[in-house]
Amino acid sequence: MANPRVGNPDHKRNKNMLAPENEAIAAPMEELLTPLVYNQLSYYKHLGLRSRILSLR
């Protein structure tokens, strides 16, 4: 006789793992995005809005 299924496979948790850092990609992205983030921060400050920096990590 076949074993009955235990639980619904759609309700199982996914086991996501972070990919290893790739310095060849991370360095240019950080170099490109950092000035943009700080420019936006100064613009928000100019408008009198709350300043907040959100990271991509």
PDB file of N, CA and C in Angstrom:
ATOM      1  N   MET A   1       0.836  -1.176   0.000  1.00  0.00           N
ATOM      2  CA  MET A   1       0.000   0.000   0.000  1.00  0.00           C
ATOM      3  C   MET A   1       0.891   1.253   0.000  1.00  0.00           C
ATOM      4  N   ALA A   2       0.519   2.256  -0.743  1.00  0.00           N
ATOM      5  CA  ALA A   2       1.302   3.490  -0.831  1.00  0.00           C
ATOM      6  C   ALA A   2       1.125   4.323   0.438  1.00  0.00           C
ATOM      7  N   ASN A   3       2.170   5.065   0.778  1.00  0.00           N
ATOM      8  CA  ASN A   3       2.097   5.949   1.944  1.00  0.00           C
ATOM      9  C   ASN A   3       1.214   7.142   1.628  1.00  0.00           C
ATOM     10  N   PRO A   4       0.307   7.491   2.539  1.00  0.00           N
ATOM     11  CA  PRO A   4      -0.517   8.697   2.303  1.00  0.00           C
ATOM     12  C   PRO A   4       0.341   9.957   2.464  1.00  0.00           C
ATOM     13  N   ARG A   5      -0.040  10.985   1.761  1.00  0.00           N
ATOM     14  CA  ARG A   5       0.680  12.265   1.870  1.00  0.00           C
ATOM     15  C   ARG A   5       0.468  12.859   3.256  1.00  0.00           C
ATOM     16  N   VAL A   6       1.525  13.442   3.764  1.00  0.00           N
ATOM     17  CA  VAL A   6       1.434  14.112   5.055  1.00  0.00           C
ATOM     18  C   VAL A   6       1.552  15.603   4.800  1.00  0.00           C
ATOM     19  N   GLY A   7       0.469  16.325   4.935  1.00  0.00           N
ATOM     20  CA  GLY A   7       0.479  17.775   4.754  1.00  0.00           C
ATOM     21  C   GLY A   7       0.377  18.178   3.291  1.00  0.00           C
ATOM     22  N   ASN A   8       0.089  19.415   3.091  1.00  0.00           N
ATOM     23  CA  ASN A   8      -0.033  19.989   1.763  1.00  0.00           C
ATOM     24  C   ASN A   8       1.313  20.560   1.355  1.00  0.00           C
ATOM     25  N   PRO A   9       1.910  20.140   0.230  1.00  0.00           N
ATOM     26  CA  PRO A   9       3.216  20.655  -0.166  1.00  0.00           C
ATOM     27  C   PRO A   9       3.206  22.155  -0.483  1.00  0.00           C
ATOM     28  N   ASP A  10       2.037  22.714  -0.772  1.00  0.00           N
ATOM     29  CA  ASP A  10       1.956  24.150  -1.043  1.00  0.00           C
ATOM     30  C   ASP A  10       2.144  24.976   0.222  1.00  0.00           C
ATOM     31  N   HIS A  11       1.989  24.363   1.392  1.00  0.00           N
ATOM     32  CA  HIS A  11       2.079  25.095   2.649  1.00  0.00           C
ATOM     33  C   HIS A  11       3.428  24.938   3.325  1.00  0.00           C
ATOM     34  N   LYS A  12       4.366  24.291   2.677  1.00  0.00           N
ATOM     35  CA  LYS A  12       5.688  24.122   3.261  1.00  0.00           C
ATOM     36  C   LYS A  12       6.489  25.397   3.073  1.00  0.00           C
ATOM     37  N   ARG A  13       7.370  25.665   4.014  1.00  0.00           N
ATOM     38  CA  ARG A  13       8.206  26.855   3.921  1.00  0.00           C
ATOM     39  C   ARG A  13       9.309  26.673   2.891  1.00  0.00           C
ATOM     40  N   ASN A  14       9.573  27.724   2.154  1.00  0.00           N
ATOM     41  CA  ASN A  14      10.721  27.725   1.249  1.00  0.00           C
ATOM     42  C   ASN A  14      11.973  27.997   2.056  1.00  0.00           C
ATOM     43  N   LYS A  15      13.047  27.386   1.686  1.00  0.00           N
ATOM     44  CA  LYS A  15      14.321  27.608   2.363  1.00  0.00           C
ATOM     45  C   LYS A  15      15.208  28.420   1.439  1.00  0.00           C
ATOM     46  N   ASN A  16      15.014  29.734   1.472  1.00  0.00           N
ATOM     47  CA  ASN A  16      15.805  30.619   0.629  1.00  0.00           C
ATOM     48  C   ASN A  16      17.150  30.889   1.264  1.00  0.00           C
ATOM     49  N   MET A  17      18.175  30.921   0.453  1.00  0.00           N
ATOM     50  CA  MET A  17      19.514  31.216   0.934  1.00  0.00           C
ATOM     51  C   MET A  17      20.050  32.407   0.152  1.00  0.00           C
ATOM     52  N   LEU A  18      20.788  33.262   0.840  1.00  0.00           N
ATOM     53  CA  LEU A  18      21.394  34.397   0.174  1.00  0.00           C
ATOM     54  C   LEU A  18      22.533  33.942  -0.716  1.00  0.00           C
ATOM     55  N   ALA A  19      22.657  34.585  -1.842  1.00  0.00           N
ATOM     56  CA  ALA A  19      23.770  34.290  -2.730  1.00  0.00           C
ATOM     57  C   ALA A  19      25.030  34.947  -2.168  1.00  0.00           C
ATOM     58  N   PRO A  20      26.180  34.407  -2.450  1.00  0.00           N
ATOM     59  CA  PRO A  20      27.415  35.023  -1.965  1.00  0.00           C
ATOM     60  C   PRO A  20      27.631  36.394  -2.611  1.00  0.00           C
ATOM     61  N   GLU A  21      28.295  37.292  -1.877  1.00  0.00           N
ATOM     62  CA  GLU A  21      28.589  38.628  -2.408  1.00  0.00           C
ATOM     63  C   GLU A  21      29.485  38.519  -3.636  1.00  0.00           C
ATOM     64  N   ASN A  22      29.179  39.287  -4.631  1.00  0.00           N
ATOM     65  CA  ASN A  22      30.016  39.346  -5.818  1.00  0.00           C
ATOM     66  C   ASN A  22      30.589  40.754  -5.883  1.00  0.00           C
ATOM     67  N   GLU A  23      31.845  40.891  -5.521  1.00  0.00           N
ATOM     68  CA  GLU A  23      32.482  42.209  -5.457  1.00  0.00           C
ATOM     69  C   GLU A  23      32.533  42.894  -6.817  1.00  0.00           C
ATOM     70  N   ALA A  24      32.620  42.119  -7.889  1.00  0.00           N
ATOM     71  CA  ALA A  24      32.672  42.708  -9.228  1.00  0.00           C
ATOM     72  C   ALA A  24      31.366  43.422  -9.568  1.00  0.00           C
ATOM     73  N   ILE A  25      30.276  43.009  -8.972  1.00  0.00           N
ATOM     74  CA  ILE A  25      28.978  43.645  -9.215  1.00  0.00           C
ATOM     75  C   ILE A  25      28.669  44.660  -8.124  1.00  0.00           C
ATOM     76  N   ALA A  26      28.987  44.333  -6.874  1.00  0.00           N
ATOM     77  CA  ALA A  26      28.613  45.181  -5.745  1.00  0.00           C
ATOM     78  C   ALA A  26      29.318  46.535  -5.774  1.00  0.00           C
ATOM     79  N   ALA A  27      30.588  46.559  -6.109  1.00  0.00           N
ATOM     80  CA  ALA A  27      31.337  47.820  -6.087  1.00  0.00           C
ATOM     81  C   ALA A  27      30.791  48.840  -7.101  1.00  0.00           C
ATOM     82  N   PRO A  28      30.604  48.476  -8.376  1.00  0.00           N
ATOM     83  CA  PRO A  28      30.034  49.469  -9.309  1.00  0.00           C
ATOM     84  C   PRO A  28      28.616  49.897  -8.951  1.00  0.00           C
ATOM     85  N   MET A  29      27.811  48.959  -8.430  1.00  0.00           N
ATOM     86  CA  MET A  29      26.444  49.332  -8.046  1.00  0.00           C
ATOM     87  C   MET A  29      26.469  50.325  -6.896  1.00  0.00           C
ATOM     88  N   GLU A  30      27.325  50.079  -5.914  1.00  0.00           N
ATOM     89  CA  GLU A  30      27.416  50.996  -4.784  1.00  0.00           C
ATOM     90  C   GLU A  30      27.947  52.352  -5.237  1.00  0.00           C
ATOM     91  N   GLU A  31      28.916  52.344  -6.126  1.00  0.00           N
ATOM     92  CA  GLU A  31      29.479  53.592  -6.658  1.00  0.00           C
ATOM     93  C   GLU A  31      28.421  54.384  -7.422  1.00  0.00           C
ATOM     94  N   LEU A  32      27.542  53.693  -8.112  1.00  0.00           N
ATOM     95  CA  LEU A  32      26.491  54.345  -8.890  1.00  0.00           C
ATOM     96  C   LEU A  32      25.347  54.837  -8.004  1.00  0.00           C
ATOM     97  N   LEU A  33      24.935  54.038  -7.028  1.00  0.00           N
ATOM     98  CA  LEU A  33      23.737  54.346  -6.259  1.00  0.00           C
ATOM     99  C   LEU A  33      23.965  55.265  -5.063  1.00  0.00           C
ATOM    100  N   THR A  34      25.146  55.250  -4.476  1.00  0.00           N
ATOM    101  CA  THR A  34      25.386  56.051  -3.277  1.00  0.00           C
ATOM    102  C   THR A  34      25.144  57.547  -3.512  1.00  0.00           C
ATOM    103  N   PRO A  35      25.705  58.152  -4.573  1.00  0.00           N
ATOM    104  CA  PRO A  35      25.419  59.588  -4.786  1.00  0.00           C
ATOM    105  C   PRO A  35      23.932  59.861  -5.014  1.00  0.00           C
ATOM    106  N   LEU A  36      23.248  58.950  -5.680  1.00  0.00           N
ATOM    107  CA  LEU A  36      21.817  59.153  -5.930  1.00  0.00           C
ATOM    108  C   LEU A  36      21.022  59.144  -4.629  1.00  0.00           C
ATOM    109  N   VAL A  37      21.376  58.240  -3.735  1.00  0.00           N
ATOM    110  CA  VAL A  37      20.671  58.149  -2.458  1.00  0.00           C
ATOM    111  C   VAL A  37      20.884  59.425  -1.648  1.00  0.00           C
ATOM    112  N   TYR A  38      22.115  59.908  -1.601  1.00  0.00           N
ATOM    113  CA  TYR A  38      22.383  61.113  -0.814  1.00  0.00           C
ATOM    114  C   TYR A  38      21.807  62.367  -1.466  1.00  0.00           C
ATOM    115  N   ASN A  39      21.732  62.404  -2.792  1.00  0.00           N
ATOM    116  CA  ASN A  39      21.060  63.530  -3.460  1.00  0.00           C
ATOM    117  C   ASN A  39      19.573  63.539  -3.127  1.00  0.00           C
ATOM    118  N   GLN A  40      18.971  62.372  -3.114  1.00  0.00           N
ATOM    119  CA  GLN A  40      17.552  62.289  -2.764  1.00  0.00           C
ATOM    120  C   GLN A  40      17.346  62.678  -1.300  1.00  0.00           C
ATOM    121  N   LEU A  41      18.260  62.279  -0.440  1.00  0.00           N
ATOM    122  CA  LEU A  41      18.185  62.642   0.965  1.00  0.00           C
ATOM    123  C   LEU A  41      18.228  64.159   1.141  1.00  0.00           C
ATOM    124  N   SER A  42      19.131  64.832   0.428  1.00  0.00           N
ATOM    125  CA  SER A  42      19.208  66.287   0.553  1.00  0.00           C
ATOM    126  C   SER A  42      17.962  66.959  -0.035  1.00  0.00           C
ATOM    127  N   TYR A  43      17.396  66.370  -1.080  1.00  0.00           N
ATOM    128  CA  TYR A  43      16.160  66.917  -1.654  1.00  0.00           C
ATOM    129  C   TYR A  43      15.008  66.809  -0.661  1.00  0.00           C
ATOM    130  N   TYR A  44      14.886  65.654   0.001  1.00  0.00           N
ATOM    131  CA  TYR A  44      13.847  65.500   1.018  1.00  0.00           C
ATOM    132  C   TYR A  44      14.039  66.497   2.155  1.00  0.00           C
ATOM    133  N   LYS A  45      15.286  66.693   2.550  1.00  0.00           N
ATOM    134  CA  LYS A  45      15.578  67.634   3.626  1.00  0.00           C
ATOM    135  C   LYS A  45      15.182  69.052   3.201  1.00  0.00           C
ATOM    136  N   HIS A  46      15.445  69.380   1.934  1.00  0.00           N
ATOM    137  CA  HIS A  46      15.085  70.692   1.388  1.00  0.00           C
ATOM    138  C   HIS A  46      13.569  70.901   1.426  1.00  0.00           C
ATOM    139  N   LEU A  47      12.806  69.823   1.190  1.00  0.00           N
ATOM    140  CA  LEU A  47      11.351  69.913   1.211  1.00  0.00           C
ATOM    141  C   LEU A  47      10.778  69.875   2.628  1.00  0.00           C
ATOM    142  N   GLY A  48      11.627  69.607   3.609  1.00  0.00           N
ATOM    143  CA  GLY A  48      11.170  69.540   4.984  1.00  0.00           C
ATOM    144  C   GLY A  48      10.589  68.187   5.357  1.00  0.00           C
ATOM    145  N   LEU A  49      10.873  67.175   4.543  1.00  0.00           N
ATOM    146  CA  LEU A  49      10.370  65.839   4.827  1.00  0.00           C
ATOM    147  C   LEU A  49      11.349  65.091   5.726  1.00  0.00           C
ATOM    148  N   ARG A  50      10.863  64.025   6.311  1.00  0.00           N
ATOM    149  CA  ARG A  50      11.715  63.220   7.197  1.00  0.00           C
ATOM    150  C   ARG A  50      12.809  62.539   6.374  1.00  0.00           C
ATOM    151  N   SER A  51      14.032  62.597   6.853  1.00  0.00           N
ATOM    152  CA  SER A  51      15.136  62.005   6.113  1.00  0.00           C
ATOM    153  C   SER A  51      15.321  60.560   6.546  1.00  0.00           C
ATOM    154  N   ARG A  52      15.473  59.713   5.568  1.00  0.00           N
ATOM    155  CA  ARG A  52      15.643  58.287   5.816  1.00  0.00           C
ATOM    156  C   ARG A  52      16.417  57.687   4.657  1.00  0.00           C
ATOM    157  N   ILE A  53      17.384  56.861   4.958  1.00  0.00           N
ATOM    158  CA  ILE A  53      18.127  56.139   3.927  1.00  0.00           C
ATOM    159  C   ILE A  53      17.763  54.671   4.062  1.00  0.00           C
ATOM    160  N   LEU A  54      17.270  54.102   2.975  1.00  0.00           N
ATOM    161  CA  LEU A  54      16.935  52.678   2.961  1.00  0.00           C
ATOM    162  C   LEU A  54      18.054  51.951   2.228  1.00  0.00           C
ATOM    163  N   SER A  55      18.495  50.881   2.789  1.00  0.00           N
ATOM    164  CA  SER A  55      19.561  50.121   2.143  1.00  0.00           C
ATOM    165  C   SER A  55      18.971  49.057   1.243  1.00  0.00           C
ATOM    166  N   LEU A  56      19.767  48.563   0.341  1.00  0.00           N
ATOM    167  CA  LEU A  56      19.324  47.508  -0.565  1.00  0.00           C
ATOM    168  C   LEU A  56      19.702  46.133  -0.039  1.00  0.00           C
ATOM    169  N   ARG A  57      20.216  46.071   1.131  1.00  0.00           N
ATOM    170  CA  ARG A  57      20.649  44.777   1.682  1.00  0.00           C
ATOM    171  C   ARG A  57      19.584  44.140   2.496  1.00  0.00           C
TER     172      ARG A  57
END
